[in-house]
């Protein structure tokens, strides 16, 4: 009897939970409402949780708040007061205190906070929350209910004068309008008066309240009235106390309230000496049964809450993983876009640079053609024109010189813009065809690291002279060029399987050029003609 009942609170909240303004249907909420009304609070808790997720999906904050308040009330009813308070405090953020249409949910939530605080013996907070519930009460009936609950808290806090003031302020307003509430408040008032003043006899008015409760068939209130009478007479009239305790026990059995039966048995054990042992055994048995049922119910509900929270955690984790995946995909897409943009810009820049390079090369080539070829030919023409005795061989020599100069134009600065080992390999490979197979060995970039551009140009031309000579004269089907660096000397070995050089070696134009180039770089050039077949040429030159 000392624990404030949450039944009225539940009925009050449910009566206003069929929200007329729900935009979208929520079948989980309807199912939870139905189960809660039928006393299946465990299942109701699960469905309220599911309904909350649906309201969240619809961005319906009021719907979410209603579900949370209902779950908080169920937790408080189950005796988990701190969890009930936690959820009620969470629910506050979903309601607008400036909207009177939401007062029904706000006041019910504060009432639950007050009940949880009262049952946890936190009386100051219970009074604070009852005052807030009264402030936001959406009807006069609800306001009176919260005032009654506040008075009960004062009673448990033993502030009897404060409780009496509230009861006496309420009773005149409901005497002729609400018999049920009037009888209950009258019973509570007389009980508090007797606690406040041991000399005050509440029996007459308590029996008056019980008669009204019998008239309206309110057995729960009758049970409380008989408990008050038994408590009052416990100290000064044990016979009367026993009669009222027995009445309480009979009513408790009728309303099937194990807690009230247990309280009545406690009184009977103290008052009925003849049945003391019997009543005590009944008390122990009932207490064990209640405790087992409570443990069973608490365990079952604990598993239900665990499953609900587990599902929530898994959903949150799943949502987080999806969010991380989406962020990763977005980052990847953005990175790809930037890479594509950067690549296109780079290609455009390279294209522009190449075009500029080509134009510059064309200008340079044009200038060199003009300076070397045109001027050289013009000079020869001038000599021929001005000479009375035309020397044919001398003219040919001068034209040969202009020809050689014109050939030099095509390989300006070889190896400066491209890895020289590749340039040489590509040169040798360019002579590869269906009838001639070319091979290169040892031509690594490391060999050419310390070789100057000028020397590279000369080497390139010597190798080309050998390959051109092979193409024109050797009739070879296999050509191999081997490169090797020994200490500070680079050695190049050319070998083919052609017809070789018949007879004595004659330095014609091509070989003469090769010889002059090798001398320019302080190198040596040797020909091996005394082999069974083909030609072998060795080039070597020092490097720094």
Protein backbone atom coordinates (compact mmCIF):
# COMPACT_ATOMS: atom_id res chain seq x y z
CA UNK A 1 0.00 0.00 0.00
CA UNK A 2 2.96 2.34 0.50
CA UNK A 3 3.99 2.18 -3.17
CA UNK A 4 2.18 4.61 -5.47
CA UNK A 5 0.27 2.65 -8.10
CA UNK A 6 0.97 3.42 -11.76
CA UNK A 7 -2.30 1.92 -13.04
CA UNK A 8 -4.07 5.28 -13.07
CA UNK A 9 -1.08 6.90 -14.74
CA UNK A 10 -1.08 4.26 -17.48
CA UNK A 11 -4.82 4.64 -18.12
CA UNK A 12 -4.41 8.41 -18.17
CA UNK A 13 -1.62 8.32 -20.71
CA UNK A 14 -3.30 5.69 -22.90
CA UNK A 15 -6.50 7.72 -22.97
CA UNK A 16 -4.64 10.50 -24.78
CA UNK A 17 -2.33 8.38 -26.89
CA UNK A 18 -4.67 7.78 -29.81
CA UNK A 19 -3.19 10.79 -31.46
CA UNK A 20 -5.66 12.37 -33.85
CA UNK A 21 -2.87 14.18 -35.66
CA UNK A 22 -0.77 11.17 -36.71
CA UNK A 23 0.20 11.86 -40.28
CA UNK A 24 1.11 8.32 -41.25
CA UNK A 25 -0.27 5.08 -39.77
CA UNK A 26 1.92 3.20 -37.35
CA UNK A 27 0.61 -0.32 -36.81
CA UNK A 28 3.28 -1.11 -34.24
CA UNK A 29 2.00 1.72 -32.06
CA UNK A 30 -1.60 0.49 -32.34
CA UNK A 31 -0.47 -3.02 -31.40
CA UNK A 32 1.49 -1.72 -28.40
CA UNK A 33 -1.50 0.34 -27.23
CA UNK A 34 -3.76 -2.72 -27.42
CA UNK A 35 -1.33 -4.96 -25.53
CA UNK A 36 -0.74 -2.36 -22.84
CA UNK A 37 -4.49 -2.06 -22.25
CA UNK A 38 -4.66 -5.85 -21.89
CA UNK A 39 -1.86 -5.88 -19.31
CA UNK A 40 0.73 -7.49 -21.65
CA UNK A 41 3.34 -4.89 -20.82
CA UNK A 42 6.34 -7.01 -21.87
CA UNK A 43 5.10 -7.32 -25.43
CA UNK A 44 3.86 -3.74 -25.36
CA UNK A 45 7.40 -2.57 -24.57
CA UNK A 46 8.76 -4.37 -27.65
CA UNK A 47 6.11 -2.90 -29.94
CA UNK A 48 6.55 0.61 -28.54
CA UNK A 49 10.24 0.30 -29.40
CA UNK A 50 9.42 -0.78 -32.97
CA UNK A 51 6.86 2.01 -33.25
CA UNK A 52 9.52 4.50 -32.15
CA UNK A 53 11.72 3.44 -35.09
CA UNK A 54 8.82 3.94 -37.51
CA UNK A 55 8.09 7.40 -36.09
CA UNK A 56 11.79 8.22 -36.39
CA UNK A 57 11.70 7.17 -40.05
CA UNK A 58 8.71 9.51 -40.59
CA UNK A 59 10.50 12.26 -38.59
CA UNK A 60 7.55 12.37 -36.19
CA UNK A 61 9.11 13.69 -32.96
CA UNK A 62 5.82 13.66 -31.02
CA UNK A 63 5.23 10.02 -31.94
CA UNK A 64 8.76 9.14 -30.81
CA UNK A 65 8.19 10.99 -27.53
CA UNK A 66 4.94 9.12 -26.87
CA UNK A 67 6.65 5.76 -27.37
CA UNK A 68 9.51 6.69 -25.06
CA UNK A 69 7.12 7.89 -22.33
CA UNK A 70 5.15 4.66 -22.53
CA UNK A 71 8.34 2.60 -22.25
CA UNK A 72 9.39 4.73 -19.27
CA UNK A 73 6.05 4.09 -17.54
CA UNK A 74 6.38 0.33 -18.11
CA UNK A 75 9.89 0.38 -16.61
CA UNK A 76 8.64 2.32 -13.58
CA UNK A 77 5.77 -0.15 -13.14
CA UNK A 78 8.30 -3.02 -13.32
CA UNK A 79 10.26 -1.42 -10.46
CA UNK A 80 13.21 -0.23 -12.57
CA UNK A 81 12.84 3.35 -11.36
CA UNK A 82 16.18 4.69 -12.53
CA UNK A 83 15.73 3.33 -16.07
CA UNK A 84 12.21 4.77 -16.06
CA UNK A 85 13.55 8.18 -15.06
CA UNK A 86 16.26 8.00 -17.70
CA UNK A 87 13.77 7.36 -20.49
CA UNK A 88 11.36 10.04 -19.23
CA UNK A 89 14.17 12.60 -19.19
CA UNK A 90 15.05 11.56 -22.74
CA UNK A 91 11.42 11.96 -23.82
CA UNK A 92 11.32 15.63 -22.79
CA UNK A 93 13.33 16.72 -25.84
CA UNK A 94 10.61 15.53 -28.21
CA UNK A 95 7.83 17.74 -26.80
CA UNK A 96 7.17 21.47 -27.20
CA UNK A 97 6.09 23.07 -23.92
CA UNK A 98 4.64 26.02 -25.84
CA UNK A 99 2.16 23.75 -27.62
CA UNK A 100 -0.86 23.09 -25.39
CA UNK A 101 -1.85 20.23 -27.67
CA UNK A 102 1.14 18.31 -26.26
CA UNK A 103 0.37 18.97 -22.58
CA UNK A 104 -1.22 15.51 -22.16
CA UNK A 105 2.12 13.83 -22.96
CA UNK A 106 4.21 16.37 -21.04
CA UNK A 107 2.22 16.13 -17.80
CA UNK A 108 2.09 12.32 -18.00
CA UNK A 109 5.85 12.24 -18.45
CA UNK A 110 6.41 14.48 -15.40
CA UNK A 111 3.99 12.34 -13.39
CA UNK A 112 6.06 9.24 -14.26
CA UNK A 113 9.25 11.03 -13.18
CA UNK A 114 7.54 11.94 -9.91
CA UNK A 115 6.31 8.37 -9.27
CA UNK A 116 9.75 6.89 -10.05
CA UNK A 117 11.43 9.45 -7.76
CA UNK A 118 8.91 8.80 -4.97
CA UNK A 119 9.34 5.02 -5.15
CA UNK A 120 13.13 5.51 -5.12
CA UNK A 121 12.66 7.56 -1.89
CA UNK A 122 13.82 10.73 -3.66
CA UNK A 123 10.97 12.82 -2.21
CA UNK A 124 12.26 16.34 -3.07
CA UNK A 125 12.49 15.48 -6.78
CA UNK A 126 9.11 13.73 -6.61
CA UNK A 127 7.52 16.98 -5.31
CA UNK A 128 9.32 19.00 -8.02
CA UNK A 129 8.04 16.76 -10.82
CA UNK A 130 4.49 16.68 -9.41
CA UNK A 131 4.47 20.48 -9.46
CA UNK A 132 5.50 20.39 -13.14
CA UNK A 133 2.82 17.79 -13.89
CA UNK A 134 0.23 20.05 -12.21
CA UNK A 135 1.51 23.05 -14.21
CA UNK A 136 1.06 21.25 -17.56
CA UNK A 137 -2.10 19.30 -16.62
CA UNK A 138 -4.42 19.17 -19.64
CA UNK A 139 -7.60 18.71 -17.61
CA UNK A 140 -8.97 19.47 -14.14
CA UNK A 141 -9.31 15.76 -13.39
CA UNK A 142 -5.64 15.13 -14.18
CA UNK A 143 -4.63 18.15 -12.11
CA UNK A 144 -6.50 16.78 -9.07
CA UNK A 145 -4.85 13.39 -9.58
CA UNK A 146 -1.36 14.91 -9.56
CA UNK A 147 -2.23 16.95 -6.44
CA UNK A 148 -3.40 13.73 -4.72
CA UNK A 149 -0.15 12.01 -5.67
CA UNK A 150 1.84 14.99 -4.36
CA UNK A 151 -0.05 14.78 -1.03
CA UNK A 152 0.76 11.05 -0.85
CA UNK A 153 4.46 11.89 -1.27
CA UNK A 154 4.26 14.34 1.62
CA UNK A 155 2.65 11.53 3.63
CA UNK A 156 5.55 9.12 2.86
CA UNK A 157 7.97 11.95 3.70
CA UNK A 158 6.07 12.32 7.02
CA UNK A 159 5.21 15.94 6.22
CA UNK A 160 1.66 15.31 7.34
CA UNK A 161 0.58 18.96 7.63
CA UNK A 162 1.49 19.59 3.98
CA UNK A 163 -0.42 16.48 2.91
CA UNK A 164 -3.50 17.48 4.95
CA UNK A 165 -3.57 20.93 3.31
CA UNK A 166 -3.66 19.42 -0.16
CA UNK A 167 -6.33 16.82 0.66
CA UNK A 168 -8.56 19.42 2.31
CA UNK A 169 -8.14 21.80 -0.64
CA UNK A 170 -9.24 19.13 -3.12
CA UNK A 171 -12.18 17.44 -1.31
CA UNK A 172 -14.75 20.28 -1.57
CA UNK A 173 -14.33 20.46 -5.34
CA UNK A 174 -15.07 16.77 -5.99
CA UNK A 175 -17.57 15.86 -3.25
CA UNK A 176 -20.56 15.96 -5.57
CA UNK A 177 -18.84 15.29 -8.89
CA UNK A 178 -16.49 12.34 -8.44
CA UNK A 179 -17.52 9.84 -5.76
CA UNK A 180 -14.65 7.47 -6.47
CA UNK A 181 -11.90 10.08 -6.08
CA UNK A 182 -13.72 11.72 -3.14
CA UNK A 183 -13.88 8.44 -1.19
CA UNK A 184 -10.20 7.67 -1.83
CA UNK A 185 -9.05 11.16 -0.82
CA UNK A 186 -11.24 11.10 2.26
CA UNK A 187 -9.68 7.78 3.28
CA UNK A 188 -6.18 9.14 2.71
CA UNK A 189 -6.96 12.36 4.62
CA UNK A 190 -8.25 10.49 7.69
CA UNK A 191 -5.23 8.18 7.63
CA UNK A 192 -2.82 11.17 7.54
CA UNK A 193 -4.71 12.96 10.30
CA UNK A 194 -4.34 9.93 12.54
CA UNK A 195 -0.63 9.76 11.77
CA UNK A 196 -0.24 13.47 12.47
CA UNK A 197 -2.23 13.29 15.74
CA UNK A 198 -2.27 9.96 17.65
CA UNK A 199 -5.33 11.15 19.61
CA UNK A 200 -7.41 11.70 16.49
CA UNK A 201 -9.95 8.92 15.75
CA UNK A 202 -10.45 8.46 11.98
CA UNK A 203 -12.82 5.45 12.21
CA UNK A 204 -16.10 7.20 11.48
CA UNK A 205 -14.98 8.95 8.32
CA UNK A 206 -12.93 5.96 7.15
CA UNK A 207 -16.06 3.80 7.41
CA UNK A 208 -17.97 6.55 5.57
CA UNK A 209 -15.43 6.37 2.75
CA UNK A 210 -15.68 2.55 2.69
CA UNK A 211 -19.49 2.74 2.41
CA UNK A 212 -19.17 5.02 -0.64
CA UNK A 213 -16.60 2.59 -2.12
CA UNK A 214 -18.96 -0.34 -1.54
CA UNK A 215 -21.72 1.60 -3.25
CA UNK A 216 -19.60 2.12 -6.38
CA UNK A 217 -17.92 -1.31 -6.03
CA UNK A 218 -14.36 0.06 -5.65
CA UNK A 219 -12.77 -2.91 -3.90
CA UNK A 220 -9.21 -1.59 -4.31
CA UNK A 221 -10.12 1.50 -2.30
CA UNK A 222 -12.00 -0.65 0.29
CA UNK A 223 -8.83 -2.67 0.77
CA UNK A 224 -6.87 0.54 1.49
CA UNK A 225 -9.56 1.75 3.93
CA UNK A 226 -9.46 -1.48 5.96
CA UNK A 227 -5.66 -1.27 6.01
CA UNK A 228 -5.87 2.27 7.46
CA UNK A 229 -8.34 1.12 10.17
CA UNK A 230 -6.20 -1.92 11.08
CA UNK A 231 -3.11 0.30 11.37
CA UNK A 232 -4.94 2.82 13.56
CA UNK A 233 -6.27 0.23 16.03
CA UNK A 234 -3.06 -1.86 16.06
CA UNK A 235 -1.79 -0.04 19.16
CA UNK A 236 -4.99 0.55 21.17
CA UNK A 237 -7.64 -2.02 20.18
CA UNK A 238 -6.23 -5.26 18.84
CA UNK A 239 -9.68 -6.91 18.46
CA UNK A 240 -10.90 -4.17 16.14
CA UNK A 241 -7.55 -4.21 14.36
CA UNK A 242 -7.92 -7.98 13.81
CA UNK A 243 -11.44 -7.54 12.36
CA UNK A 244 -10.25 -4.89 9.91
CA UNK A 245 -7.14 -6.91 8.99
CA UNK A 246 -9.34 -9.93 8.22
CA UNK A 247 -11.61 -7.72 6.06
CA UNK A 248 -8.55 -6.46 4.26
CA UNK A 249 -7.33 -10.02 3.65
CA UNK A 250 -10.68 -11.11 2.19
CA UNK A 251 -10.86 -8.09 -0.14
CA UNK A 252 -7.23 -8.66 -1.19
CA UNK A 253 -8.10 -12.22 -2.21
CA UNK A 254 -11.14 -10.98 -4.16
CA UNK A 255 -9.13 -8.43 -6.14
CA UNK A 256 -6.29 -10.99 -6.52
CA UNK A 257 -3.63 -8.65 -5.18
CA UNK A 258 -0.70 -10.71 -3.81
CA UNK A 259 1.00 -7.61 -2.37
CA UNK A 260 -2.12 -6.60 -0.39
CA UNK A 261 -2.62 -10.19 0.79
CA UNK A 262 0.95 -10.22 2.02
CA UNK A 263 0.42 -6.93 3.90
CA UNK A 264 -2.79 -8.26 5.46
CA UNK A 265 -1.03 -11.47 6.55
CA UNK A 266 1.66 -9.41 8.24
CA UNK A 267 -1.03 -7.75 10.33
CA UNK A 268 -2.77 -11.08 11.05
CA UNK A 269 0.46 -12.67 12.26
CA UNK A 270 0.78 -9.90 14.84
CA UNK A 271 -2.92 -9.79 15.83
CA UNK A 272 -4.27 -13.40 15.68
CA UNK A 273 -2.41 -15.49 18.22
CA UNK A 274 -4.59 -18.57 17.62
CA UNK A 275 -3.71 -18.75 13.93
CA UNK A 276 -0.28 -17.25 14.28
CA UNK A 277 1.61 -20.31 12.96
CA UNK A 278 -0.90 -20.92 10.14
CA UNK A 279 -0.84 -17.28 9.06
CA UNK A 280 2.96 -17.16 9.26
CA UNK A 281 3.32 -20.26 7.07
CA UNK A 282 0.84 -18.78 4.58
CA UNK A 283 2.83 -15.54 4.65
CA UNK A 284 6.12 -17.32 3.95
CA UNK A 285 4.63 -19.40 1.16
CA UNK A 286 2.97 -16.40 -0.46
CA UNK A 287 6.09 -14.27 -0.07
CA UNK A 288 8.21 -16.96 -1.76
CA UNK A 289 5.65 -17.30 -4.54
CA UNK A 290 5.56 -13.53 -5.11
CA UNK A 291 9.34 -13.36 -5.10
CA UNK A 292 9.63 -16.21 -7.63
CA UNK A 293 7.07 -14.60 -9.91
CA UNK A 294 8.82 -11.26 -9.57
CA UNK A 295 12.22 -12.80 -10.34
CA UNK A 296 10.73 -14.68 -13.28
CA UNK A 297 9.04 -11.55 -14.59
CA UNK A 298 12.15 -9.41 -14.05
CA UNK A 299 14.32 -12.00 -15.79
CA UNK A 300 11.95 -12.27 -18.73
CA UNK A 301 11.69 -8.51 -19.06
CA UNK A 302 15.46 -8.13 -18.72
CA UNK A 303 15.94 -10.47 -21.69
CA UNK A 304 13.33 -8.53 -23.65
CA UNK A 305 15.11 -5.25 -22.93
CA UNK A 306 18.45 -6.82 -23.76
CA UNK A 307 17.15 -8.04 -27.13
CA UNK A 308 15.61 -4.66 -27.87
CA UNK A 309 18.84 -2.82 -27.04
CA UNK A 310 20.91 -5.39 -28.95
CA UNK A 311 18.81 -4.88 -32.06
CA UNK A 312 19.15 -1.13 -31.66
CA UNK A 313 22.93 -1.38 -31.32
CA UNK A 314 23.15 -3.66 -34.34
CA UNK A 315 21.00 -1.28 -36.38
CA UNK A 316 23.11 1.69 -35.31
CA UNK A 317 26.30 -0.24 -36.16
CA UNK A 318 24.82 -1.26 -39.51
CA UNK A 319 23.83 2.34 -40.24
CA UNK A 320 27.33 3.49 -39.25
CA UNK A 321 28.92 0.90 -41.53
CA UNK A 322 26.67 1.95 -44.40
CA UNK A 323 27.52 5.59 -43.70
CA UNK A 324 31.24 4.79 -43.64
CA UNK A 325 30.88 2.86 -46.91
CA UNK A 326 29.02 5.75 -48.53
CA UNK A 327 31.64 8.21 -47.31
CA UNK A 328 34.37 5.94 -48.67
CA UNK A 329 32.61 5.69 -52.03
CA UNK A 330 32.13 9.46 -52.17
CA UNK A 331 35.80 10.03 -51.31
CA UNK A 332 36.82 7.49 -53.97
CA UNK A 333 34.60 9.12 -56.59
CA UNK A 334 35.92 12.59 -55.71
CA UNK A 335 39.49 11.26 -55.86
CA UNK A 336 38.85 9.65 -59.26
CA UNK A 337 37.34 12.90 -60.55
CA UNK A 338 40.36 14.88 -59.37
CA UNK A 339 42.72 12.29 -60.87
CA UNK A 340 40.87 12.44 -64.21
CA UNK A 341 40.87 16.24 -64.16
CA UNK A 342 44.56 16.29 -63.20
CA UNK A 343 45.41 13.72 -65.88
CA UNK A 344 43.55 15.66 -68.56
CA UNK A 345 45.22 18.89 -67.52
CA UNK A 346 48.59 17.16 -67.55
CA UNK A 347 47.94 15.68 -70.99
CA UNK A 348 46.80 19.06 -72.27
CA UNK A 349 49.90 20.70 -70.81
CA UNK A 350 52.15 18.03 -72.34
CA UNK A 351 50.39 18.43 -75.67
CA UNK A 352 50.88 22.18 -75.57
CA UNK A 353 54.53 21.75 -74.56
CA UNK A 354 55.01 19.22 -77.37
CA UNK A 355 53.48 21.58 -79.90
CA UNK A 356 55.76 24.37 -78.70
CA UNK A 357 58.72 22.00 -78.83
CA UNK A 358 57.83 20.96 -82.39
CA UNK A 359 57.53 24.58 -83.46
CA UNK A 360 60.84 25.43 -81.86
CA UNK A 361 62.46 22.38 -83.47
CA UNK A 362 61.01 23.38 -86.84
CA UNK A 363 62.41 26.87 -86.44
CA UNK A 364 65.79 25.47 -85.38
CA UNK A 365 65.81 22.98 -88.26
CA UNK A 366 64.80 25.70 -90.69
CA UNK A 367 67.62 27.87 -89.47
CA UNK A 368 70.16 25.02 -89.66
CA UNK A 369 68.98 24.01 -93.14
CA UNK A 370 69.41 27.57 -94.16
CA UNK A 371 72.81 27.95 -92.50
CA UNK A 372 74.27 24.55 -93.33
CA UNK A 373 72.63 23.31 -96.50
CA UNK A 374 71.50 26.41 -98.33
CA UNK A 375 74.58 28.40 -97.51
CA UNK A 376 76.88 25.44 -98.19
CA UNK A 377 75.31 24.71 -101.59
CA UNK A 378 75.28 28.41 -102.41
CA UNK A 379 78.98 28.58 -101.57
CA UNK A 380 79.77 25.62 -103.87
CA UNK A 381 77.69 27.15 -106.64
CA UNK A 382 79.52 30.40 -106.22
CA UNK A 383 82.91 28.70 -106.51
CA UNK A 384 81.86 26.79 -109.62
CA UNK A 385 80.50 29.95 -111.14
CA UNK A 386 83.64 31.93 -110.38
CA UNK A 387 86.22 29.31 -111.33
CA UNK A 388 87.50 29.19 -114.88
CA UNK A 389 88.87 25.68 -114.49
CA UNK A 390 86.14 23.43 -113.06
CA UNK A 391 87.60 20.79 -110.72
CA UNK A 392 84.95 18.04 -110.59
CA UNK A 393 86.49 16.03 -107.70
CA UNK A 394 86.91 19.10 -105.53
CA UNK A 395 83.29 20.10 -106.11
CA UNK A 396 82.13 16.62 -105.15
CA UNK A 397 84.18 16.73 -101.95
CA UNK A 398 82.57 20.04 -100.97
CA UNK A 399 79.09 18.71 -101.73
CA UNK A 400 79.93 15.60 -99.66
CA UNK A 401 80.81 17.90 -96.77
CA UNK A 402 77.49 19.75 -97.09
CA UNK A 403 75.73 16.39 -97.22
CA UNK A 404 77.38 15.24 -94.01
CA UNK A 405 76.46 18.51 -92.33
CA UNK A 406 72.85 18.16 -93.43
CA UNK A 407 72.76 14.65 -91.93
CA UNK A 408 73.98 16.02 -88.59
CA UNK A 409 70.89 18.22 -88.37
CA UNK A 410 68.57 15.20 -87.85
CA UNK A 411 70.15 14.03 -84.62
CA UNK A 412 70.70 17.25 -82.72
CA UNK A 413 71.31 16.69 -78.99
CA UNK A 414 70.66 12.99 -79.03
CA UNK A 415 70.08 11.50 -75.60
CA UNK A 416 69.24 14.76 -73.79
CA UNK A 417 65.46 14.40 -73.97
CA UNK A 418 65.22 10.62 -73.71
CA UNK A 419 67.06 7.90 -71.84
CA UNK A 420 70.08 7.22 -74.04
CA UNK A 421 70.06 3.45 -73.53
CA UNK A 422 66.56 3.40 -74.97
CA UNK A 423 67.55 5.61 -77.88
CA UNK A 424 70.38 3.24 -78.81
CA UNK A 425 68.21 0.15 -78.37
CA UNK A 426 65.49 1.67 -80.53
CA UNK A 427 68.08 2.55 -83.19
CA UNK A 428 69.33 -1.05 -83.38
CA UNK A 429 65.81 -2.44 -83.24
CA UNK A 430 64.71 -0.21 -86.12
CA UNK A 431 66.78 -2.37 -88.48
CA UNK A 432 64.96 -5.49 -87.37
CA UNK A 433 62.73 -7.00 -90.10
CA UNK A 434 61.71 -10.32 -91.64
CA UNK A 435 65.19 -11.00 -93.03
CA UNK A 436 67.38 -9.39 -90.37
CA UNK A 437 67.17 -10.08 -86.63
CA UNK A 438 68.92 -7.63 -84.31
CA UNK A 439 69.98 -8.29 -80.70
CA UNK A 440 71.20 -5.95 -77.96
CA UNK A 441 73.00 -6.91 -74.73
CA UNK A 442 74.28 -5.00 -71.71
CA UNK A 443 72.75 -1.67 -72.78
CA UNK A 444 71.66 -0.57 -69.27
CA UNK A 445 71.08 3.07 -68.20
CA UNK A 446 73.90 2.78 -65.64
CA UNK A 447 76.52 2.52 -68.42
CA UNK A 448 75.68 5.97 -69.77
CA UNK A 449 75.31 7.87 -66.45
CA UNK A 450 78.70 9.60 -66.65
CA UNK A 451 78.80 10.03 -70.47
CA UNK A 452 78.48 13.60 -71.78
CA UNK A 453 75.85 14.55 -74.38
CA UNK A 454 78.56 15.26 -76.99
CA UNK A 455 80.05 11.79 -76.63
CA UNK A 456 76.58 10.25 -76.77
CA UNK A 457 75.96 11.99 -80.11
CA UNK A 458 79.18 10.56 -81.55
CA UNK A 459 78.42 7.05 -80.25
CA UNK A 460 74.92 7.21 -81.69
CA UNK A 461 76.23 8.17 -85.13
CA UNK A 462 78.91 5.44 -85.07
CA UNK A 463 76.36 2.76 -84.20
CA UNK A 464 74.05 4.08 -86.91
CA UNK A 465 76.88 4.02 -89.47
CA UNK A 466 77.53 0.36 -88.62
CA UNK A 467 73.83 -0.51 -88.92
CA UNK A 468 73.43 1.40 -92.21
CA UNK A 469 76.54 -0.24 -93.60
CA UNK A 470 75.14 -3.64 -92.55
CA UNK A 471 71.87 -2.90 -94.30
CA UNK A 472 73.53 -1.79 -97.50
CA UNK A 473 76.35 -4.33 -97.89
CA UNK A 474 76.53 -7.24 -95.40
CA UNK A 475 73.56 -9.44 -96.43
CA UNK A 476 73.48 -10.51 -92.73
CA UNK A 477 70.50 -12.24 -91.13
CA UNK A 478 71.66 -11.82 -87.50
CA UNK A 479 73.21 -8.76 -85.90
CA UNK A 480 74.29 -8.47 -82.24
CA UNK A 481 75.55 -5.38 -80.42
CA UNK A 482 77.00 -5.81 -76.94
CA UNK A 483 77.72 -2.95 -74.49
CA UNK A 484 80.04 -3.29 -71.51
CA UNK A 485 81.66 -0.90 -69.03
CA UNK A 486 85.01 -2.03 -67.56
CA UNK A 487 86.40 0.39 -65.00
CA UNK A 488 86.27 3.75 -66.82
CA UNK A 489 86.10 2.38 -70.37
CA UNK A 490 82.99 1.60 -72.36
CA UNK A 491 83.37 -1.15 -74.94
CA UNK A 492 80.92 -1.75 -77.78
CA UNK A 493 81.13 -4.96 -79.79
CA UNK A 494 79.33 -5.19 -83.12
CA UNK A 495 78.98 -8.60 -84.79
CA UNK A 496 76.99 -9.91 -87.81
CA UNK A 497 76.89 -13.08 -89.89
CA UNK A 498 77.06 -11.33 -93.28
CA UNK A 499 79.64 -11.56 -96.06
CA UNK A 500 82.14 -9.51 -94.12
CA UNK A 501 84.65 -7.19 -95.81
CA UNK A 502 86.31 -8.97 -98.72
CA UNK A 503 89.93 -8.14 -99.38
CA UNK A 504 91.75 -5.32 -97.64
CA UNK A 505 89.85 -2.85 -95.49
CA UNK A 506 89.10 0.36 -97.40
CA UNK A 507 87.92 3.39 -95.41
CA UNK A 508 85.21 4.84 -97.57
CA UNK A 509 82.95 7.70 -96.49
CA UNK A 510 80.95 5.80 -93.86
CA UNK A 511 83.92 4.09 -92.24
CA UNK A 512 85.96 7.22 -92.54
CA UNK A 513 83.30 9.14 -90.60
CA UNK A 514 83.24 6.44 -87.93
CA UNK A 515 86.99 6.59 -87.60
CA UNK A 516 87.00 10.38 -87.29
CA UNK A 517 84.22 10.27 -84.66
CA UNK A 518 86.03 7.68 -82.49
CA UNK A 519 89.18 9.79 -82.65
CA UNK A 520 87.19 12.84 -81.52
CA UNK A 521 86.29 11.08 -78.27
CA UNK A 522 89.74 9.59 -77.72
CA UNK A 523 88.58 6.08 -78.48
CA UNK A 524 89.67 3.19 -80.67
CA UNK A 525 87.98 1.38 -83.56
CA UNK A 526 89.06 -2.09 -84.71
CA UNK A 527 87.72 -4.43 -87.40
CA UNK A 528 88.11 -8.19 -87.30
CA UNK A 529 87.83 -9.55 -90.82
CA UNK A 530 89.69 -12.82 -90.32
CA UNK A 531 86.71 -14.75 -89.05
CA UNK A 532 84.87 -17.59 -90.74
CA UNK A 533 81.86 -15.51 -91.68
CA UNK A 534 80.62 -12.02 -91.03
CA UNK A 535 82.05 -8.89 -89.53
CA UNK A 536 83.15 -7.99 -85.98
CA UNK A 537 83.82 -4.37 -84.97
CA UNK A 538 85.08 -3.26 -81.55
CA UNK A 539 84.60 0.30 -80.29
CA UNK A 540 86.00 1.57 -77.00
CA UNK A 541 86.33 4.99 -75.39
CA UNK A 542 87.08 6.36 -71.94
CA UNK A 543 84.51 8.01 -69.65
CA UNK A 544 85.07 10.20 -66.63
